[in-house]
Amino acid sequence: MNSRTRVLTSFEHVQPDVVPIDYFATPEIHAMLLMHFSINSDDQLRDLLDTDIRYVNPIYIGPKLETYSDGSFFDIWGVKKKPVPNEYGDYAEVISLPYKSWSTVEEAKKFRWPDPDWYDYSSIVDMCAKYPDRAIATGSFFVQDFINGVARGRGVEQTLIDIAMENPLLSYLVDKRHNFYMEMIERTLKEANGRIDLVLCGDDFGSQRGLLISPNSFDTLFMQKKKEFFEMVHHYGAKVVHHCCGSSVELWPRFIEIGMDALQTIQPTAEGMDPFMLKKQYGRQITLYGAIDVQGWLQHAACSEIEEYLRRLTHEVGKDGGLVCSPSHFLQPDIPLSNVICTYETLARLRGKKVLL
């Protein structure tokens, strides 16, 4: 099997030749890997790691997004962010809440919202042509992302209050995100003419111990929009990969009902998210995407532990398809580079491939 066939076979819950794999990393880890292998591009690294999926997105051509000498910048949603240092690197944190003071929909209507015309879709076919044998994905974890997306402009506390109160202003902001990404992703899929296999989207409904919102709030505020987006993606022959941090298992029957093909992230240390149990309960209904814990385990595991876990994961959870093996989130900068390399060397051996080093 080539990579594309492997991924699509696994998504159909049929045994592929080997378990498909993917790669997500913070800039710090990505830069260390490029330096370690003396290469200079994302494609070269993914080829070296022998991952099965490549990513394409339309090129931004919209109004200039302001950047400043202190590293701060505006995103397309009018939110200002700034890299904030931590012990191991930095992270782009929100430093403005442009929606915070609004109390009416009329105030929100005056804001400059992004337009799907701010992207050039014409190069998508050429982008896809670079990867004839790989599965191709578009989108990102920011697509839809109703709770986080609104909270970046309004604040987490106020957004959760808005959800609890079913504030009409929240509905307006959610509609803005939904309509924007419905059009942007549909135009991308149309341009690709069937060559895009996966669409990434996301929303963080879970905390470490359970849901952030009630199932009733999900049903009332978000479920129909998710269903509409998933149906649009399926219309173009692609599969949905939906990111959701934390413990989301209480919503999985709803996710399956509305057509979610894969849940990324499988975060093993979150309540109810053990991949071996999820496989037993939902393994024929939804693809598990992730399952290599980056919350603490990969930071401290011995290479022998990594090898043992990945062997069990690929053999048990990967049996009969329904698994894409990857980090549970972006590989974090506090993970030793040796453990990252051990992870992908082990996956290479398990897939009968040449070991990296």
Protein backbone atom coordinates (compact mmCIF):
# COMPACT_ATOMS: atom_id res chain seq x y z
CA MET A 1 0.00 0.00 0.00
CA ASN A 2 1.09 3.58 -0.52
CA SER A 3 0.46 6.15 2.20
CA ARG A 4 -2.82 7.40 0.79
CA THR A 5 -4.33 3.94 0.50
CA ARG A 6 -3.03 3.08 3.98
CA VAL A 7 -4.71 6.09 5.61
CA LEU A 8 -8.01 5.67 3.78
CA THR A 9 -8.07 1.94 4.54
CA SER A 10 -7.56 2.62 8.24
CA PHE A 11 -10.36 5.22 8.18
CA GLU A 12 -12.66 2.53 6.76
CA HIS A 13 -11.82 0.33 9.78
CA VAL A 14 -10.12 -2.24 7.61
CA GLN A 15 -6.67 -3.60 8.38
CA PRO A 16 -4.00 -1.68 6.39
CA ASP A 17 -0.58 -3.12 5.68
CA VAL A 18 0.84 -1.10 8.60
CA VAL A 19 -0.57 1.53 10.96
CA PRO A 20 -0.45 5.03 9.41
CA ILE A 21 1.50 7.68 11.32
CA ASP A 22 1.57 11.47 11.56
CA TYR A 23 3.68 14.21 13.13
CA PHE A 24 2.84 17.41 15.03
CA ALA A 25 5.46 19.46 16.87
CA THR A 26 6.07 22.85 18.45
CA PRO A 27 8.51 25.12 16.57
CA GLU A 28 11.23 24.34 19.11
CA ILE A 29 11.09 20.57 18.54
CA HIS A 30 10.68 21.03 14.79
CA ALA A 31 13.79 23.21 14.62
CA MET A 32 15.80 20.72 16.69
CA LEU A 33 14.83 17.87 14.38
CA LEU A 34 15.79 19.86 11.28
CA MET A 35 19.16 20.65 12.84
CA HIS A 36 19.69 17.09 14.04
CA PHE A 37 19.11 15.63 10.58
CA SER A 38 20.83 18.53 8.73
CA ILE A 39 17.77 19.28 6.61
CA ASN A 40 15.84 22.49 6.07
CA SER A 41 12.22 21.81 5.17
CA ASP A 42 9.04 20.33 6.60
CA ASP A 43 8.67 18.03 3.61
CA GLN A 44 12.18 16.63 4.06
CA LEU A 45 11.50 15.90 7.72
CA ARG A 46 8.15 14.24 7.05
CA ASP A 47 9.80 12.14 4.33
CA LEU A 48 12.54 11.14 6.73
CA LEU A 49 10.02 10.22 9.43
CA ASP A 50 8.00 8.45 6.70
CA THR A 51 4.71 9.94 7.85
CA ASP A 52 1.68 9.26 5.69
CA ILE A 53 -0.10 12.64 5.53
CA ARG A 54 0.82 15.96 3.95
CA TYR A 55 -0.88 19.32 4.52
CA VAL A 56 -2.01 21.98 2.05
CA ASN A 57 -3.88 25.23 2.59
CA PRO A 58 -4.71 28.26 0.41
CA ILE A 59 -2.29 31.17 0.50
CA TYR A 60 -3.22 34.29 2.46
CA ILE A 61 -3.53 37.36 0.17
CA GLY A 62 -5.74 39.55 2.35
CA PRO A 63 -5.09 42.84 4.11
CA LYS A 64 -1.73 43.17 5.79
CA LEU A 65 -1.76 41.72 9.30
CA GLU A 66 0.16 44.12 11.50
CA THR A 67 3.26 42.92 13.30
CA TYR A 68 5.32 44.82 15.86
CA SER A 69 8.92 45.00 17.02
CA ASP A 70 8.14 43.20 20.29
CA GLY A 71 6.98 40.16 18.29
CA SER A 72 3.28 40.82 18.75
CA PHE A 73 0.91 40.46 15.80
CA PHE A 74 -2.74 40.44 14.79
CA ASP A 75 -4.49 37.36 13.43
CA ILE A 76 -7.29 37.41 10.84
CA TRP A 77 -9.90 37.57 13.63
CA GLY A 78 -8.56 40.88 14.94
CA VAL A 79 -6.95 39.33 18.02
CA LYS A 80 -3.49 40.53 19.05
CA LYS A 81 -1.01 37.93 20.27
CA LYS A 82 2.54 38.01 21.53
CA PRO A 83 5.16 35.29 22.06
CA VAL A 84 5.49 34.86 25.81
CA PRO A 85 8.65 33.07 27.02
CA ASN A 86 8.45 29.95 29.14
CA GLU A 87 11.08 27.59 30.52
CA TYR A 88 11.59 25.84 27.19
CA GLY A 89 10.64 28.33 24.48
CA ASP A 90 7.70 30.64 23.96
CA TYR A 91 3.99 30.51 23.14
CA ALA A 92 1.82 33.03 21.33
CA GLU A 93 -0.53 34.31 24.03
CA VAL A 94 -3.49 36.63 23.55
CA ILE A 95 -2.76 40.16 24.75
CA SER A 96 -6.01 41.83 23.63
CA LEU A 97 -9.68 40.97 23.99
CA PRO A 98 -11.35 42.99 21.22
CA TYR A 99 -14.81 41.45 21.79
CA LYS A 100 -14.72 41.70 25.59
CA SER A 101 -16.69 44.94 26.01
CA TRP A 102 -19.49 44.07 23.59
CA SER A 103 -22.95 43.52 24.98
CA THR A 104 -25.00 43.59 21.77
CA VAL A 105 -24.92 41.98 18.35
CA GLU A 106 -25.04 45.45 16.82
CA GLU A 107 -21.60 46.23 18.29
CA ALA A 108 -20.19 43.02 16.83
CA LYS A 109 -21.57 43.82 13.37
CA LYS A 110 -19.34 46.91 13.19
CA PHE A 111 -16.14 44.87 13.54
CA ARG A 112 -14.01 43.99 10.50
CA TRP A 113 -14.47 40.25 10.11
CA PRO A 114 -12.30 38.09 7.83
CA ASP A 115 -13.46 37.22 4.34
CA PRO A 116 -12.78 33.91 2.53
CA ASP A 117 -11.69 36.08 -0.43
CA TRP A 118 -8.58 36.87 1.61
CA TYR A 119 -7.14 33.55 0.38
CA ASP A 120 -5.87 32.38 -3.02
CA TYR A 121 -7.24 28.93 -3.82
CA SER A 122 -5.78 28.65 -7.31
CA SER A 123 -2.56 26.93 -6.26
CA ILE A 124 -4.21 24.05 -4.38
CA VAL A 125 -4.02 21.65 -7.33
CA ASP A 126 -0.28 22.26 -7.73
CA MET A 127 0.24 21.82 -3.99
CA CYS A 128 -1.55 18.47 -4.06
CA ALA A 129 0.41 17.33 -7.12
CA LYS A 130 3.60 17.38 -5.02
CA TYR A 131 2.32 14.40 -3.02
CA PRO A 132 0.97 11.80 -5.47
CA ASP A 133 1.19 8.85 -3.07
CA ARG A 134 0.45 10.56 0.25
CA ALA A 135 -2.86 11.24 1.95
CA ILE A 136 -3.52 14.99 1.79
CA ALA A 137 -5.18 17.07 4.48
CA THR A 138 -6.34 20.67 4.60
CA GLY A 139 -7.60 22.91 7.39
CA SER A 140 -6.21 23.15 10.91
CA PHE A 141 -7.26 22.80 14.53
CA PHE A 142 -8.44 26.44 14.34
CA VAL A 143 -11.14 25.63 11.77
CA GLN A 144 -14.51 26.20 13.48
CA ASP A 145 -12.95 26.15 17.02
CA PHE A 146 -15.96 27.95 18.43
CA ILE A 147 -15.10 28.00 22.14
CA ASN A 148 -11.39 28.83 21.86
CA GLY A 149 -11.92 31.14 18.91
CA VAL A 150 -14.50 33.26 20.70
CA ALA A 151 -12.55 33.14 23.97
CA ARG A 152 -9.45 34.56 22.32
CA GLY A 153 -11.44 37.70 21.59
CA ARG A 154 -13.77 37.74 24.57
CA GLY A 155 -11.99 35.90 27.39
CA VAL A 156 -12.48 32.35 28.64
CA GLU A 157 -14.62 33.24 31.65
CA GLN A 158 -16.96 35.48 29.69
CA THR A 159 -17.27 32.91 26.89
CA LEU A 160 -18.27 30.17 29.34
CA ILE A 161 -20.81 32.54 30.89
CA ASP A 162 -22.13 33.30 27.40
CA ILE A 163 -22.49 29.57 26.74
CA ALA A 164 -24.33 28.99 30.01
CA MET A 165 -26.66 31.95 29.33
CA GLU A 166 -27.04 31.14 25.61
CA ASN A 167 -26.15 34.76 24.89
CA PRO A 168 -27.30 35.88 21.40
CA LEU A 169 -23.94 37.65 21.02
CA LEU A 170 -22.19 34.29 21.37
CA SER A 171 -24.43 32.85 18.67
CA TYR A 172 -23.46 35.70 16.36
CA LEU A 173 -19.73 35.15 16.96
CA VAL A 174 -20.07 31.40 16.47
CA ASP A 175 -22.01 32.00 13.23
CA LYS A 176 -19.21 34.25 11.98
CA ARG A 177 -16.62 31.53 12.48
CA HIS A 178 -18.87 28.81 11.12
CA ASN A 179 -19.82 30.63 7.93
CA PHE A 180 -16.26 31.74 7.25
CA TYR A 181 -14.79 28.25 7.53
CA MET A 182 -17.69 26.60 5.70
CA GLU A 183 -16.90 28.74 2.66
CA MET A 184 -13.11 28.66 2.95
CA ILE A 185 -12.90 24.88 3.28
CA GLU A 186 -15.53 24.26 0.60
CA ARG A 187 -13.66 26.46 -1.87
CA THR A 188 -10.45 24.59 -1.05
CA LEU A 189 -12.12 21.21 -1.58
CA LYS A 190 -13.69 22.30 -4.85
CA GLU A 191 -10.35 23.51 -6.15
CA ALA A 192 -8.66 20.23 -5.16
CA ASN A 193 -11.19 18.28 -7.26
CA GLY A 194 -11.26 15.21 -5.04
CA ARG A 195 -7.58 15.04 -4.19
CA ILE A 196 -7.92 16.16 -0.56
CA ASP A 197 -8.60 13.20 1.72
CA LEU A 198 -8.86 14.75 5.19
CA VAL A 199 -10.10 18.02 6.65
CA LEU A 200 -8.83 19.17 10.04
CA CYS A 201 -11.08 21.17 12.35
CA GLY A 202 -11.34 21.55 16.10
CA ASP A 203 -12.94 22.63 19.35
CA ASP A 204 -11.83 22.01 22.93
CA PHE A 205 -14.89 20.65 24.73
CA GLY A 206 -12.97 18.82 27.45
CA SER A 207 -10.87 19.46 30.52
CA GLN A 208 -8.51 16.90 32.04
CA ARG A 209 -11.35 15.42 34.12
CA GLY A 210 -14.49 15.90 32.04
CA LEU A 211 -16.44 18.23 29.80
CA LEU A 212 -16.09 22.01 29.90
CA ILE A 213 -19.73 22.40 28.88
CA SER A 214 -22.86 20.32 29.34
CA PRO A 215 -24.03 17.92 26.63
CA ASN A 216 -27.17 20.03 26.43
CA SER A 217 -25.10 23.14 25.62
CA PHE A 218 -23.30 21.19 22.90
CA ASP A 219 -26.63 20.08 21.46
CA THR A 220 -28.13 23.56 21.54
CA LEU A 221 -25.20 25.71 20.44
CA PHE A 222 -22.77 23.63 18.40
CA MET A 223 -24.09 20.25 17.26
CA GLN A 224 -26.00 21.36 14.17
CA LYS A 225 -23.12 23.50 12.91
CA LYS A 226 -20.70 20.61 13.35
CA LYS A 227 -23.09 18.33 11.47
CA GLU A 228 -23.45 20.85 8.63
CA PHE A 229 -19.66 21.17 8.33
CA PHE A 230 -19.11 17.40 8.40
CA GLU A 231 -21.75 16.85 5.73
CA MET A 232 -20.12 19.44 3.48
CA VAL A 233 -16.74 17.74 3.86
CA HIS A 234 -18.26 14.34 3.08
CA HIS A 235 -19.95 15.77 -0.02
CA TYR A 236 -16.47 16.30 -1.47
CA GLY A 237 -15.34 12.77 -0.58
CA ALA A 238 -13.10 13.78 2.32
CA LYS A 239 -12.99 12.62 5.94
CA VAL A 240 -13.28 14.78 9.06
CA VAL A 241 -10.44 14.85 11.60
CA HIS A 242 -11.73 16.79 14.60
CA HIS A 243 -9.31 17.97 17.30
CA CYS A 244 -10.55 18.06 20.88
CA CYS A 245 -8.23 18.30 23.86
CA GLY A 246 -9.07 16.72 27.19
CA SER A 247 -11.82 14.32 28.16
CA SER A 248 -14.50 14.36 25.48
CA VAL A 249 -15.72 10.75 25.72
CA GLU A 250 -19.13 11.78 27.07
CA LEU A 251 -19.82 13.44 23.71
CA TRP A 252 -18.55 10.58 21.54
CA PRO A 253 -22.02 9.12 20.81
CA ARG A 254 -23.02 12.56 19.50
CA PHE A 255 -19.76 12.92 17.54
CA ILE A 256 -20.43 9.59 15.84
CA GLU A 257 -24.08 10.42 15.20
CA ILE A 258 -23.23 13.62 13.31
CA GLY A 259 -20.51 12.01 11.19
CA MET A 260 -17.14 12.71 12.84
CA ASP A 261 -14.69 10.32 11.17
CA ALA A 262 -11.72 10.72 13.53
CA LEU A 263 -11.10 12.28 16.92
CA GLN A 264 -7.74 13.93 17.39
CA THR A 265 -6.54 14.16 20.09
CA ILE A 266 -6.54 10.86 21.94
CA GLN A 267 -5.04 12.18 25.17
CA PRO A 268 -4.37 9.03 27.26
CA THR A 269 -4.05 10.75 30.65
CA ALA A 270 -7.40 12.56 30.40
CA GLU A 271 -10.38 10.91 32.10
CA GLY A 272 -11.91 8.18 29.95
CA MET A 273 -9.49 8.68 27.06
CA ASP A 274 -7.39 5.51 27.36
CA PRO A 275 -6.96 4.40 23.72
CA PHE A 276 -7.24 0.69 24.54
CA MET A 277 -10.63 1.19 26.21
CA LEU A 278 -11.82 3.57 23.48
CA LYS A 279 -10.90 0.97 20.86
CA LYS A 280 -13.02 -1.65 22.60
CA GLN A 281 -16.01 0.67 22.94
CA TYR A 282 -15.88 2.72 19.73
CA GLY A 283 -13.27 1.07 17.52
CA ARG A 284 -15.67 0.26 14.67
CA GLN A 285 -17.31 3.70 14.65
CA ILE A 286 -14.61 6.36 14.84
CA THR A 287 -10.89 6.52 14.07
CA LEU A 288 -8.54 7.21 16.99
CA TYR A 289 -5.91 9.78 16.06
CA GLY A 290 -2.98 10.38 18.40
CA ALA A 291 -2.48 8.30 21.58
CA ILE A 292 1.25 9.02 22.19
CA ASP A 293 1.08 11.07 25.38
CA VAL A 294 3.00 14.37 25.41
CA GLN A 295 1.63 15.64 28.72
CA GLY A 296 4.40 14.08 30.76
CA TRP A 297 4.91 10.49 29.73
CA LEU A 298 7.05 11.06 26.62
CA GLN A 299 9.10 13.57 28.61
CA HIS A 300 10.24 10.92 31.08
CA ALA A 301 9.81 7.48 29.46
CA ALA A 302 12.82 5.31 28.75
CA CYS A 303 13.26 4.27 25.14
CA SER A 304 12.43 0.68 26.13
CA GLU A 305 9.10 1.89 27.57
CA ILE A 306 8.33 3.82 24.39
CA GLU A 307 9.08 0.72 22.29
CA GLU A 308 6.87 -1.50 24.46
CA TYR A 309 3.96 0.95 24.44
CA LEU A 310 4.07 1.57 20.68
CA ARG A 311 4.21 -2.16 19.98
CA ARG A 312 1.08 -2.71 22.06
CA LEU A 313 -0.66 0.38 20.64
CA THR A 314 -0.11 -0.56 17.00
CA HIS A 315 -0.96 -4.23 17.54
CA GLU A 316 -4.06 -3.79 19.69
CA VAL A 317 -5.54 -0.38 18.84
CA GLY A 318 -4.31 -0.57 15.25
CA LYS A 319 -5.92 -3.99 14.69
CA ASP A 320 -8.56 -3.84 11.94
CA GLY A 321 -7.78 -0.20 11.20
CA GLY A 322 -9.19 2.83 12.95
CA LEU A 323 -5.89 4.26 14.22
CA VAL A 324 -3.53 7.01 13.07
CA CYS A 325 -0.54 6.87 15.40
CA SER A 326 0.81 10.32 16.30
CA PRO A 327 1.61 12.53 19.29
CA SER A 328 -1.46 13.29 21.38
CA HIS A 329 -0.83 16.98 20.72
CA PHE A 330 2.16 18.94 19.41
CA LEU A 331 5.44 17.44 20.58
CA GLN A 332 6.30 19.75 23.47
CA PRO A 333 9.69 21.50 23.83
CA ASP A 334 10.42 19.77 27.16
CA ILE A 335 10.49 16.34 25.48
CA PRO A 336 14.06 15.09 25.04
CA LEU A 337 15.01 14.92 21.38
CA SER A 338 16.23 11.37 21.98
CA ASN A 339 12.69 10.32 22.93
CA VAL A 340 11.23 11.92 19.81
CA ILE A 341 13.74 10.03 17.68
CA CYS A 342 13.11 6.81 19.63
CA THR A 343 9.38 7.19 18.91
CA TYR A 344 9.78 7.45 15.15
CA GLU A 345 12.57 4.87 14.98
CA THR A 346 10.30 2.43 16.80
CA LEU A 347 7.38 3.17 14.49
CA ALA A 348 9.69 2.65 11.51
CA ARG A 349 10.77 -0.77 12.80
CA LEU A 350 7.18 -1.77 13.54
CA ARG A 351 6.29 -0.84 9.96
CA GLY A 352 9.21 -2.77 8.54
CA LYS A 353 10.96 0.41 7.45
CA LYS A 354 14.54 1.54 7.60
CA VAL A 355 15.50 2.90 11.01
CA LEU A 356 16.36 6.61 11.01
CA LEU A 357 19.78 6.35 12.71
